[in-house]
Every structure is written in structure tokens, then in C-alpha cells.
Amino acid sequence: MALIKSISGIRGTIGGKVGEGLSPLDVVKFSAAYGTWALRRHEGKKIKVVVGRDARISGEMVDKLVVGTLMGLGIDVIEIGLASTPTTEFAVTEEKAEGGIILTASHNPKQWNALKLLNEKGEFLNDEDGKLVLSIAEQEDFLFAEVDDLGQITYAEDYTQKHIDHVCQLDLVDVEAIKKANFSVAVDAVNSVGGTAIPGMLKALGVKNVVELYCEPNGQFPHNPEPLPENLTAIADVMKEGKADLGFVVDPDVDRLAIVNEDGSMFGEEYTLVACADYVLANTPGNTVSNLSSTRALRDVTEKHKGAYEASAVGEVNVVTKMKTNNAVIGGEGNGGIIYPASHYGRDALVGVGLFLSHLAKTGMKSSELRASYPNYFISKNKIELTPEIDVDAVLVAMKERYKHEKVNDIDGVKIDFANEWVHLRKSNTEPIIRIYSESENEETANQLAEKIISEIKEIIN
């Protein structure tokens, strides 16, 4: 498997030759590149970087390489150990550090790991900074510290609890209302760091009955760790047996939150943000942002509360940038990613749990009833494979021209907004395909729209 390099970091599979996966030499090279970038950004200053990791089997090995490399550059390291992605982001600002590295491959299977890179705000690097890190790595332009100037390591392994305490203190997280509701909650944390963080969060919110599935942070994922319906049969069965009022599912680094209703049906990852936004907007008038491939239901809910909705290019850093520009009070992505600026600018499942339970407690509804109160859309996800010689950009331009009489957004591929549905076409950066996301009022019409667009692309190509 090739090593995948992007502006947000590097990821790959463990094992094999250098450059064919995430080998120890690759880990050192990119840690050195990031550290060099951070030193140049804060020139003349003794800097510190936070390092946290999910529970992957390879995590301890990768952690030692990263920490040692940063120390070798003369950077002080704050080692927070097993921690979620949002916890690490939170720690960067709490420690007033100059950066952070999260060792996680998010929802990828257990053989994967990655280095996710943060700036001094605890946010992912933007395009310019990410490219600088990649350039430094390519040139191997590193200068390591003399022996008397090596970095020091400090251990701070209580950050999960600090993060939980922070969420409980947010104005819109109503601990008393949640406690009074006396919820029973099931949790599937896929045997990663959410196994500590989410039950801990629930207990701090006064939830007495927590049914734990796969909450041992040992990195042995019991199913595909992406929180999609087809992977969540075990917790769905628990719900159908009547053992809990709702279920929470997180991915290995706890930045995505999926919800399972009391009857075992899925609330829908797209609707995690919709529900939390509905609650936040009811209490804090303002605007929202999600990416172009996320459900229109967020726009509908935002406009119901007299706010303005804007769409960003796909990618968390793009959502955050647009949120800052538009003074959004909440935003995120349709993969269960909640970004709540009153806490911090990063996707955070702990914040999602606090907001969602507060909302559910105050409505007095069952989870399925709350879901039924929102506009119902269905997203169909497809792709069309192309031969390498086809000019994908030209195809997208032709589709934009074909639909110029509709509302078209081309900040990230081509999105065409129709009266009651939309389609978003994006090219892959790694293979000759066009991804086609279509949303409509039901599965049949969403699939019909996708098929129509695919046939038109084939016409253009031929």
C-alpha cells in the first residue's frame, strides 16, 4: 500500500518497505519535517508540541518515534498518551503549545496509522502550511539540536478528564436536564480511546446506566471501525432488545458521532449535526456551515431559525475557514462531525454527546421521534471510473456548462442545486474516478438523479 501524503498529514499501512507504507523511517522523516516547520513558524522561540494517540496496536511504536524525533530537533514534548483527536486539539490550546500531532488513522482498519498535524490553535494545517511540511520532507531539510539543546518530555495523561470537564461547563450542555431525564445509553467505541472518553462523558453528565460494547482501548477493532449502519449490527441488536434509550457510536479517534435510536434504527450520521444545530440555533441565533456533500436538512433547519447557511469545500479545514468567515455558531460535516466554536474549532464527539443529550432531554422525545421531526432526505453515493487519459477537469467543466441555468457551485468540483434535490461531482486526487453524491427526498429519486448524471458524463466522454 502506498504512503498517502496530504496537507493534513501522512497515513499508510504498517509493515513493508520504506515508502510503501508508514515505515519507521517515514514516521521520523515526516515528524522532522513538521517539527522543522513549527520551529521556523516560531523562529527564535523554544517551542512545545502536544502528542496524543488513539489505541491502535501500532500506536506505541509510532509514538516513540515521533516523540524522539521532536526532542531531537530541540522541541519540548507534552505527551498526553491515549487521547481522542478533539482531546489533543483541546490540549494544544490549554498548554499554549505551538502545535500538536495526533497519531490516528481515524476510521481506517487496524493495519493503518497516520500523523495528523495541528497548528498552535489546535486546528489542522491549511493548504499553504501543509504543502510547506511536505516540501521540507521531500528536501529532508532538517537541522537537529546539539546535545545540550535537546527537547524535554512532560507527561500529562489527565487530558481526557479535563476535556470532559470542559464539555460539562459549556453553557448549552445542561447536565441537570440530562440527569433528570435518566437516560440509559449504549456505547460502541470500537475498542479505541472512545471506550474511556464516551462512558466517562456520560457518567459526568449524570447518565447512570451505560451499556458498554467494545470499550476496551486495546486497538482490536471488533468490526470495520467506520460508523456506518452496516457495521453497527451489534449495538442495533442491543437497542432492539430494549436495553437502552439510545446508542452512541464513535470512530477510533472520536471525532465522528453516530446515533442509534431506541428501536435499533439509525438516526443517520448526516443528522447528528442537524439535531445539534437545531438545539444550538434555538438558543444562540446565528449561521451554520457544512461541506458541499452534506445534507440539505442543515440549511432547512438553519433557515427555520432565521439564520444563514453556507457550504464549504470538502475537508475539515475548509469548513472551519468558512465558519470563521461567516461567524457560524455551529458547523461540521455529514459524517457525524460536530464543530462547535464555543468549545473549539474541531470535530468533537464529546461535544456532540453533550449537545444531543441536552436537546433530547429538553424535548422529552424518543430519539426516533426527534429524528422524524426533521426534513427527510436520502443521499446516494456513487462513482464513475475513468481511464487515465480522460481529462476529468474538462468533464466537470462540460457538466457545469450543461447545467448553467441551475444554481451551480464550483469551489470543489461541481455541485448542482435543483429545487428539491442536488448532485455533487468531485474528482479523486489519487485515482481516475469522479465521485457522485446525490441527495433527494427518498432513495429511489436520489438513485435516479445519480443514474441520470452518470449517463450524461458517459455521453460527454464518448
Protein backbone atom coordinates (compact mmCIF):
# COMPACT_ATOMS: atom_id res chain seq x y z
CA MET A 1 0.00 0.00 0.00
CA ALA A 2 1.37 3.41 -0.97
CA LEU A 3 2.11 6.06 1.60
CA ILE A 4 -0.58 8.76 1.29
CA LYS A 5 0.67 12.31 1.77
CA SER A 6 -1.70 15.26 2.11
CA ILE A 7 -1.77 18.72 3.64
CA SER A 8 -3.33 17.32 6.83
CA GLY A 9 -0.57 14.73 7.39
CA ILE A 10 0.54 11.33 6.21
CA ARG A 11 -1.01 7.89 6.53
CA GLY A 12 -0.21 4.38 5.47
CA THR A 13 -0.19 0.76 6.49
CA ILE A 14 2.29 -0.64 8.99
CA GLY A 15 4.94 -3.03 7.63
CA GLY A 16 6.81 -3.43 4.36
CA LYS A 17 9.47 -1.37 2.61
CA VAL A 18 10.22 2.31 3.10
CA GLY A 19 7.82 4.43 1.05
CA GLU A 20 5.40 1.54 0.54
CA GLY A 21 3.64 2.13 3.85
CA LEU A 22 4.11 4.00 7.08
CA SER A 23 7.55 2.65 7.98
CA PRO A 24 9.58 3.88 10.98
CA LEU A 25 11.85 5.82 8.60
CA ASP A 26 8.82 7.57 7.08
CA VAL A 27 7.49 8.41 10.54
CA VAL A 28 10.81 10.02 11.51
CA LYS A 29 11.10 11.91 8.22
CA PHE A 30 7.65 13.48 8.44
CA SER A 31 7.90 14.17 12.17
CA ALA A 32 11.15 16.00 11.46
CA ALA A 33 9.52 17.94 8.62
CA TYR A 34 6.62 19.00 10.83
CA GLY A 35 8.93 19.93 13.70
CA THR A 36 11.12 21.97 11.34
CA TRP A 37 8.03 23.79 10.01
CA ALA A 38 6.91 24.58 13.59
CA LEU A 39 10.38 25.86 14.58
CA ARG A 40 10.52 28.16 11.55
CA ARG A 41 6.99 29.40 12.24
CA HIS A 42 8.04 30.39 15.77
CA GLU A 43 11.64 31.32 14.98
CA GLY A 44 13.88 32.13 17.93
CA LYS A 45 11.46 30.60 20.43
CA LYS A 46 11.73 27.42 22.49
CA ILE A 47 8.59 25.58 21.39
CA LYS A 48 6.47 22.72 22.67
CA VAL A 49 4.27 20.25 20.80
CA VAL A 50 1.46 18.05 22.18
CA VAL A 51 1.39 14.39 21.10
CA GLY A 52 -1.67 12.16 21.61
CA ARG A 53 -2.72 8.85 20.06
CA ASP A 54 -5.65 6.54 19.58
CA ALA A 55 -5.49 2.91 20.75
CA ARG A 56 -4.15 1.32 17.56
CA ILE A 57 -1.77 -1.60 18.03
CA SER A 58 0.98 0.35 16.24
CA GLY A 59 0.37 3.48 18.31
CA GLU A 60 3.06 2.98 20.94
CA MET A 61 5.73 2.24 18.32
CA VAL A 62 4.82 5.28 16.22
CA ASP A 63 4.55 7.46 19.34
CA LYS A 64 8.10 6.71 20.46
CA LEU A 65 9.46 7.58 17.01
CA VAL A 66 7.54 10.87 16.82
CA VAL A 67 8.40 11.98 20.35
CA GLY A 68 12.09 11.09 19.96
CA THR A 69 12.33 12.94 16.65
CA LEU A 70 10.75 16.12 18.04
CA MET A 71 13.08 16.02 21.03
CA GLY A 72 15.98 15.57 18.61
CA LEU A 73 15.00 18.86 16.98
CA GLY A 74 15.12 20.62 20.34
CA ILE A 75 11.32 20.68 20.76
CA ASP A 76 9.73 20.04 24.16
CA VAL A 77 7.01 17.40 24.01
CA ILE A 78 3.84 17.20 26.10
CA GLU A 79 2.89 13.52 25.92
CA ILE A 80 -0.83 13.06 26.68
CA GLY A 81 -0.93 9.33 25.84
CA LEU A 82 -4.19 7.69 24.80
CA ALA A 83 -6.45 10.56 23.77
CA SER A 84 -9.08 11.39 21.19
CA THR A 85 -8.41 13.77 18.30
CA PRO A 86 -10.55 16.54 19.85
CA THR A 87 -8.86 15.98 23.23
CA THR A 88 -5.46 16.52 21.61
CA GLU A 89 -6.73 19.66 19.88
CA PHE A 90 -8.07 20.90 23.22
CA ALA A 91 -4.72 20.15 24.92
CA VAL A 92 -2.79 22.27 22.38
CA THR A 93 -4.67 25.42 23.37
CA GLU A 94 -4.76 24.56 27.09
CA GLU A 95 -0.98 24.08 27.12
CA LYS A 96 -0.41 27.14 24.90
CA ALA A 97 1.69 24.83 22.73
CA GLU A 98 2.98 25.71 19.28
CA GLY A 99 1.46 22.63 17.68
CA GLY A 100 0.26 19.08 18.04
CA ILE A 101 0.46 15.68 16.39
CA ILE A 102 -2.35 13.14 16.62
CA LEU A 103 -1.40 9.54 15.88
CA THR A 104 -4.54 8.09 14.36
CA ALA A 105 -5.81 6.80 11.04
CA SER A 106 -9.35 7.78 12.04
CA HIS A 107 -11.86 5.25 10.64
CA ASN A 108 -9.29 3.18 8.69
CA PRO A 109 -8.77 -0.51 9.66
CA LYS A 110 -6.22 -1.55 12.30
CA GLN A 111 -3.23 -2.00 9.94
CA TRP A 112 -3.31 1.75 9.20
CA ASN A 113 -1.84 4.61 11.19
CA ALA A 114 -1.22 8.28 10.47
CA LEU A 115 0.23 11.55 11.67
CA LYS A 116 -2.39 14.33 11.78
CA LEU A 117 -0.82 17.75 12.14
CA LEU A 118 -2.08 20.72 14.16
CA ASN A 119 -1.06 24.38 14.39
CA GLU A 120 -0.84 26.46 17.57
CA LYS A 121 -4.64 26.92 17.58
CA GLY A 122 -5.19 23.16 17.77
CA GLU A 123 -6.54 23.22 14.21
CA PHE A 124 -5.48 21.24 11.15
CA LEU A 125 -2.91 22.88 8.89
CA ASN A 126 -4.21 24.89 5.95
CA ASP A 127 -3.21 24.18 2.37
CA GLU A 128 -0.18 26.51 2.39
CA ASP A 129 1.28 25.17 5.64
CA GLY A 130 0.60 21.55 4.72
CA LYS A 131 2.47 21.98 1.44
CA LEU A 132 5.39 23.56 3.30
CA VAL A 133 5.66 20.48 5.54
CA LEU A 134 5.59 18.16 2.50
CA SER A 135 8.28 20.27 0.79
CA ILE A 136 10.55 20.15 3.87
CA ALA A 137 10.12 16.37 3.99
CA GLU A 138 10.88 15.99 0.30
CA GLN A 139 14.11 18.00 0.62
CA GLU A 140 14.99 16.43 4.01
CA ASP A 141 15.85 19.94 5.09
CA PHE A 142 16.31 19.24 8.81
CA LEU A 143 18.71 20.68 11.40
CA PHE A 144 18.84 18.64 14.61
CA ALA A 145 19.72 20.10 18.01
CA GLU A 146 23.06 19.88 19.77
CA VAL A 147 23.16 17.60 22.82
CA ASP A 148 22.66 20.39 25.36
CA ASP A 149 19.64 21.71 23.44
CA LEU A 150 17.58 18.51 23.09
CA GLY A 151 13.89 18.76 23.91
CA GLN A 152 12.38 17.58 27.18
CA ILE A 153 9.32 15.38 27.65
CA THR A 154 6.46 16.06 30.06
CA TYR A 155 3.68 13.54 30.70
CA ALA A 156 0.13 14.89 31.10
CA GLU A 157 -2.22 11.94 30.91
CA ASP A 158 -5.29 13.52 32.53
CA TYR A 159 -6.47 15.38 29.43
CA THR A 160 -9.46 13.16 28.73
CA GLN A 161 -10.92 14.15 32.10
CA LYS A 162 -10.04 17.81 31.52
CA HIS A 163 -11.82 17.63 28.17
CA ILE A 164 -14.91 16.02 29.77
CA ASP A 165 -14.96 18.74 32.47
CA HIS A 166 -14.71 21.42 29.76
CA VAL A 167 -17.70 20.00 27.84
CA CYS A 168 -19.82 19.79 31.01
CA GLN A 169 -19.16 23.51 31.62
CA LEU A 170 -20.39 24.65 28.19
CA ASP A 171 -23.43 26.94 28.54
CA LEU A 172 -25.69 24.80 26.34
CA VAL A 173 -24.76 21.46 27.91
CA ASP A 174 -27.48 21.07 30.53
CA VAL A 175 -26.18 18.49 32.98
CA GLU A 176 -29.21 18.82 35.27
CA ALA A 177 -31.70 18.23 32.46
CA ILE A 178 -29.77 15.16 31.27
CA LYS A 179 -29.54 13.77 34.81
CA LYS A 180 -33.27 14.32 35.32
CA ALA A 181 -34.11 12.51 32.06
CA ASN A 182 -32.49 9.35 33.47
CA PHE A 183 -31.36 8.03 30.09
CA SER A 184 -29.95 4.54 29.55
CA VAL A 185 -27.26 4.81 26.86
CA ALA A 186 -25.38 2.12 24.91
CA VAL A 187 -21.88 2.87 23.58
CA ASP A 188 -19.86 1.19 20.81
CA ALA A 189 -16.34 2.63 20.95
CA VAL A 190 -14.70 0.03 18.65
CA ASN A 191 -12.05 -0.76 21.32
CA SER A 192 -10.27 2.57 20.96
CA VAL A 193 -9.96 5.74 23.04
CA GLY A 194 -13.70 6.43 22.90
CA GLY A 195 -14.05 3.46 25.25
CA THR A 196 -12.70 5.69 28.02
CA ALA A 197 -13.90 9.08 26.80
CA ILE A 198 -17.57 8.43 25.97
CA PRO A 199 -18.57 6.40 29.06
CA GLY A 200 -16.64 8.97 31.13
CA MET A 201 -18.51 11.79 29.40
CA LEU A 202 -21.88 10.10 30.00
CA LYS A 203 -21.19 9.48 33.69
CA ALA A 204 -20.13 13.13 34.13
CA LEU A 205 -23.48 14.11 32.57
CA GLY A 206 -25.32 12.06 35.18
CA VAL A 207 -26.17 9.06 32.99
CA LYS A 208 -26.24 6.19 35.50
CA ASN A 209 -26.91 3.26 33.14
CA VAL A 210 -24.25 2.96 30.43
CA VAL A 211 -24.20 -0.26 28.37
CA GLU A 212 -20.63 -0.64 27.10
CA LEU A 213 -19.81 -2.50 23.88
CA TYR A 214 -16.19 -2.68 22.73
CA CYS A 215 -14.96 -0.11 25.23
CA GLU A 216 -11.57 -1.72 25.99
CA PRO A 217 -8.96 0.58 24.36
CA ASN A 218 -6.73 -2.21 23.01
CA GLY A 219 -6.84 -1.47 19.28
CA GLN A 220 -8.51 -4.78 18.40
CA PHE A 221 -11.37 -3.41 16.31
CA PRO A 222 -14.29 -5.89 16.50
CA HIS A 223 -15.80 -4.66 13.22
CA ASN A 224 -14.99 -2.21 10.44
CA PRO A 225 -14.36 0.95 12.50
CA GLU A 226 -16.21 3.36 10.21
CA PRO A 227 -19.53 4.12 11.99
CA LEU A 228 -21.80 3.24 9.06
CA PRO A 229 -25.09 1.31 9.51
CA GLU A 230 -23.76 -1.94 8.03
CA ASN A 231 -21.01 -2.01 10.70
CA LEU A 232 -23.29 -1.34 13.68
CA THR A 233 -25.35 -4.53 13.94
CA ALA A 234 -24.23 -5.38 17.50
CA ILE A 235 -25.39 -2.10 19.05
CA ALA A 236 -28.56 -2.16 16.92
CA ASP A 237 -29.37 -5.56 18.46
CA VAL A 238 -28.85 -4.15 21.97
CA MET A 239 -31.33 -1.37 21.16
CA LYS A 240 -33.90 -3.78 19.72
CA GLU A 241 -33.72 -5.78 22.96
CA GLY A 242 -34.82 -2.65 24.83
CA LYS A 243 -31.63 -2.32 26.88
CA ALA A 244 -31.13 1.41 26.25
CA ASP A 245 -32.94 4.61 25.22
CA LEU A 246 -30.35 5.44 22.59
CA GLY A 247 -26.90 4.41 21.42
CA PHE A 248 -23.75 6.38 20.62
CA VAL A 249 -21.07 5.11 18.23
CA VAL A 250 -17.69 6.74 17.62
CA ASP A 251 -14.79 6.03 15.30
CA PRO A 252 -11.30 5.20 16.71
CA ASP A 253 -10.28 8.85 17.22
CA VAL A 254 -13.69 10.09 18.45
CA ASP A 255 -14.27 12.99 16.07
CA ARG A 256 -17.37 11.40 14.47
CA LEU A 257 -20.60 10.63 16.30
CA ALA A 258 -23.31 8.27 15.05
CA ILE A 259 -26.57 7.77 16.95
CA VAL A 260 -28.76 4.65 17.13
CA ASN A 261 -32.46 5.08 18.02
CA GLU A 262 -34.26 3.18 20.76
CA ASP A 263 -35.75 0.77 18.19
CA GLY A 264 -32.38 -0.10 16.61
CA SER A 265 -32.88 2.18 13.60
CA MET A 266 -30.16 4.66 12.66
CA PHE A 267 -30.57 8.35 13.45
CA GLY A 268 -28.24 8.90 10.50
CA GLU A 269 -24.73 10.36 10.60
CA GLU A 270 -25.89 13.29 8.46
CA TYR A 271 -28.49 14.13 11.09
CA THR A 272 -26.15 14.25 14.12
CA LEU A 273 -25.16 17.76 13.02
CA VAL A 274 -28.73 18.68 12.05
CA ALA A 275 -30.09 17.84 15.53
CA CYS A 276 -27.24 19.56 17.41
CA ALA A 277 -27.57 22.63 15.16
CA ASP A 278 -31.33 22.77 15.78
CA TYR A 279 -30.65 22.89 19.52
CA VAL A 280 -27.81 25.43 19.31
CA LEU A 281 -29.70 27.74 16.92
CA ALA A 282 -32.78 27.71 19.16
CA ASN A 283 -30.60 29.09 21.96
CA THR A 284 -27.94 31.03 20.02
CA PRO A 285 -29.24 32.73 16.85
CA GLY A 286 -26.64 32.62 14.08
CA ASN A 287 -25.33 30.92 10.98
CA THR A 288 -24.16 27.43 10.04
CA VAL A 289 -21.69 25.78 7.66
CA SER A 290 -21.25 22.26 6.35
CA ASN A 291 -19.43 20.91 3.30
CA LEU A 292 -20.93 20.63 -0.18
CA SER A 293 -21.58 16.90 0.21
CA SER A 294 -23.66 17.22 3.39
CA THR A 295 -27.44 17.08 3.69
CA ARG A 296 -29.70 19.98 2.76
CA ALA A 297 -31.56 19.40 6.06
CA LEU A 298 -28.99 21.63 7.83
CA ARG A 299 -29.89 24.51 5.52
CA ASP A 300 -33.60 23.92 6.19
CA VAL A 301 -33.14 23.90 9.98
CA THR A 302 -30.89 26.98 9.85
CA GLU A 303 -33.41 28.96 7.82
CA LYS A 304 -36.21 27.87 10.18
CA HIS A 305 -34.25 29.64 12.93
CA LYS A 306 -33.72 32.73 10.67
CA GLY A 307 -30.01 32.01 10.18
CA ALA A 308 -27.92 31.80 7.02
CA TYR A 309 -26.39 28.55 5.77
CA GLU A 310 -23.20 28.37 3.69
CA ALA A 311 -21.43 25.39 2.09
CA SER A 312 -17.66 24.93 2.05
CA ALA A 313 -15.32 22.74 0.07
CA VAL A 314 -14.96 19.21 1.47
CA GLY A 315 -12.42 18.89 4.30
CA GLU A 316 -12.48 19.97 7.94
CA VAL A 317 -10.02 22.82 7.45
CA ASN A 318 -12.28 24.26 4.72
CA VAL A 319 -15.37 24.02 6.93
CA VAL A 320 -13.53 25.79 9.77
CA THR A 321 -12.30 28.59 7.48
CA LYS A 322 -15.84 29.20 6.17
CA MET A 323 -17.26 29.09 9.71
CA LYS A 324 -14.88 31.83 10.83
CA THR A 325 -15.70 33.96 7.77
CA ASN A 326 -19.45 33.57 8.28
CA ASN A 327 -19.50 33.78 12.09
CA ALA A 328 -21.17 30.36 12.28
CA VAL A 329 -22.36 29.29 15.73
CA ILE A 330 -22.13 25.61 14.73
CA GLY A 331 -20.99 23.64 11.72
CA GLY A 332 -19.38 20.41 10.66
CA GLU A 333 -19.63 17.56 8.21
CA GLY A 334 -22.26 14.99 7.35
CA ASN A 335 -20.12 12.17 8.71
CA GLY A 336 -21.21 12.88 12.28
CA GLY A 337 -18.62 15.63 12.78
CA ILE A 338 -19.78 18.46 15.08
CA ILE A 339 -17.73 21.68 15.18
CA TYR A 340 -18.88 23.99 17.97
CA PRO A 341 -16.82 27.21 18.22
CA ALA A 342 -17.95 27.87 21.81
CA SER A 343 -15.73 24.86 22.61
CA HIS A 344 -13.09 24.76 19.85
CA TYR A 345 -12.75 24.60 16.06
CA GLY A 346 -12.53 20.84 15.60
CA ARG A 347 -14.93 17.91 15.11
CA ASP A 348 -15.74 16.62 18.57
CA ALA A 349 -17.95 13.66 19.51
CA LEU A 350 -17.81 14.55 23.22
CA VAL A 351 -19.33 17.95 22.47
CA GLY A 352 -21.86 16.19 20.23
CA VAL A 353 -22.90 13.88 23.08
CA GLY A 354 -23.37 16.83 25.45
CA LEU A 355 -25.42 18.90 22.99
CA PHE A 356 -27.53 16.00 21.70
CA LEU A 357 -28.47 14.69 25.14
CA SER A 358 -29.34 18.22 26.31
CA HIS A 359 -31.59 18.61 23.25
CA LEU A 360 -33.22 15.20 23.70
CA ALA A 361 -33.79 15.76 27.42
CA LYS A 362 -35.49 19.11 26.86
CA THR A 363 -37.76 17.89 24.05
CA GLY A 364 -38.91 14.88 26.05
CA MET A 365 -38.99 12.91 22.79
CA LYS A 366 -37.65 9.48 21.99
CA SER A 367 -34.62 9.52 19.71
CA SER A 368 -36.66 8.18 16.76
CA GLU A 369 -39.31 10.88 17.32
CA LEU A 370 -36.69 13.62 17.26
CA ARG A 371 -35.28 12.22 14.01
CA ALA A 372 -38.77 12.15 12.48
CA SER A 373 -39.18 15.87 13.27
CA TYR A 374 -36.51 16.83 10.72
CA PRO A 375 -36.78 17.14 6.92
CA ASN A 376 -36.16 13.70 5.45
CA TYR A 377 -33.59 13.37 2.69
CA PHE A 378 -31.59 10.46 1.32
CA ILE A 379 -28.01 10.67 -0.02
CA SER A 380 -26.85 8.21 -2.68
CA LYS A 381 -23.08 7.81 -3.02
CA ASN A 382 -21.72 6.59 -6.34
CA LYS A 383 -18.64 6.87 -8.52
CA ILE A 384 -17.73 6.52 -12.16
CA GLU A 385 -14.36 5.02 -13.06
CA LEU A 386 -12.49 6.63 -15.92
CA THR A 387 -9.45 5.71 -17.97
CA PRO A 388 -6.27 7.65 -17.07
CA GLU A 389 -6.17 9.56 -20.39
CA ILE A 390 -9.56 11.23 -19.80
CA ASP A 391 -9.37 14.89 -18.75
CA VAL A 392 -11.53 14.83 -15.62
CA ASP A 393 -11.43 18.62 -15.24
CA ALA A 394 -12.78 19.05 -18.77
CA VAL A 395 -15.65 16.67 -17.97
CA LEU A 396 -16.56 18.72 -14.90
CA VAL A 397 -16.43 21.97 -16.90
CA ALA A 398 -18.76 20.43 -19.50
CA MET A 399 -21.22 19.40 -16.76
CA LYS A 400 -21.12 22.90 -15.30
CA GLU A 401 -21.90 24.36 -18.73
CA ARG A 402 -24.74 21.87 -19.26
CA TYR A 403 -26.43 22.99 -16.04
CA LYS A 404 -25.56 26.69 -16.11
CA HIS A 405 -29.29 27.56 -15.83
CA GLU A 406 -29.35 25.90 -12.37
CA LYS A 407 -27.64 27.02 -9.16
CA VAL A 408 -24.05 25.74 -9.60
CA ASN A 409 -21.18 25.88 -7.09
CA ASP A 410 -17.68 25.05 -8.37
CA ILE A 411 -15.45 25.71 -5.32
CA ASP A 412 -14.86 21.95 -5.02
CA GLY A 413 -15.80 20.02 -8.14
CA VAL A 414 -19.29 20.87 -9.39
CA LYS A 415 -22.43 20.95 -7.22
CA ILE A 416 -25.76 21.45 -8.95
CA ASP A 417 -28.67 22.54 -6.74
CA PHE A 418 -32.12 21.77 -8.10
CA ALA A 419 -35.41 22.79 -6.44
CA ASN A 420 -35.84 19.59 -4.41
CA GLU A 421 -32.51 17.78 -4.77
CA TRP A 422 -28.81 18.21 -5.54
CA VAL A 423 -25.83 16.38 -7.03
CA HIS A 424 -22.14 16.93 -6.24
CA LEU A 425 -19.37 15.78 -8.59
CA ARG A 426 -15.79 15.61 -7.29
CA LYS A 427 -12.69 14.13 -8.82
CA SER A 428 -10.43 11.92 -6.74
CA ASN A 429 -6.89 13.16 -6.10
CA THR A 430 -5.49 9.63 -6.09
CA GLU A 431 -7.30 7.71 -8.86
CA PRO A 432 -9.14 8.41 -12.16
CA ILE A 433 -12.68 8.50 -10.80
CA ILE A 434 -15.46 11.03 -10.30
CA ARG A 435 -17.39 10.70 -7.04
CA ILE A 436 -21.09 11.41 -7.45
CA TYR A 437 -23.15 12.30 -4.37
CA SER A 438 -26.84 12.93 -4.94
CA GLU A 439 -29.49 13.86 -2.39
CA SER A 440 -33.24 13.75 -2.87
CA GLU A 441 -36.46 13.13 -0.95
CA ASN A 442 -36.05 9.33 -0.99
CA GLU A 443 -33.65 6.59 -2.03
CA GLU A 444 -35.32 5.95 -5.37
CA THR A 445 -35.20 9.54 -6.61
CA ALA A 446 -31.63 10.04 -5.29
CA ASN A 447 -30.51 6.97 -7.26
CA GLN A 448 -32.40 8.15 -10.36
CA LEU A 449 -30.62 11.51 -10.22
CA ALA A 450 -27.24 9.77 -9.89
CA GLU A 451 -28.00 7.48 -12.85
CA LYS A 452 -29.04 10.46 -14.97
CA ILE A 453 -25.80 12.32 -14.20
CA ILE A 454 -23.66 9.21 -14.83
CA SER A 455 -25.26 8.70 -18.25
CA GLU A 456 -24.62 12.35 -19.14
CA ILE A 457 -20.95 12.05 -18.11
CA LYS A 458 -20.63 8.99 -20.34
CA GLU A 459 -22.17 11.00 -23.22
CA ILE A 460 -19.53 13.72 -22.75
CA ILE A 461 -16.69 11.23 -22.63
CA ASN A 462 -17.87 9.37 -25.74
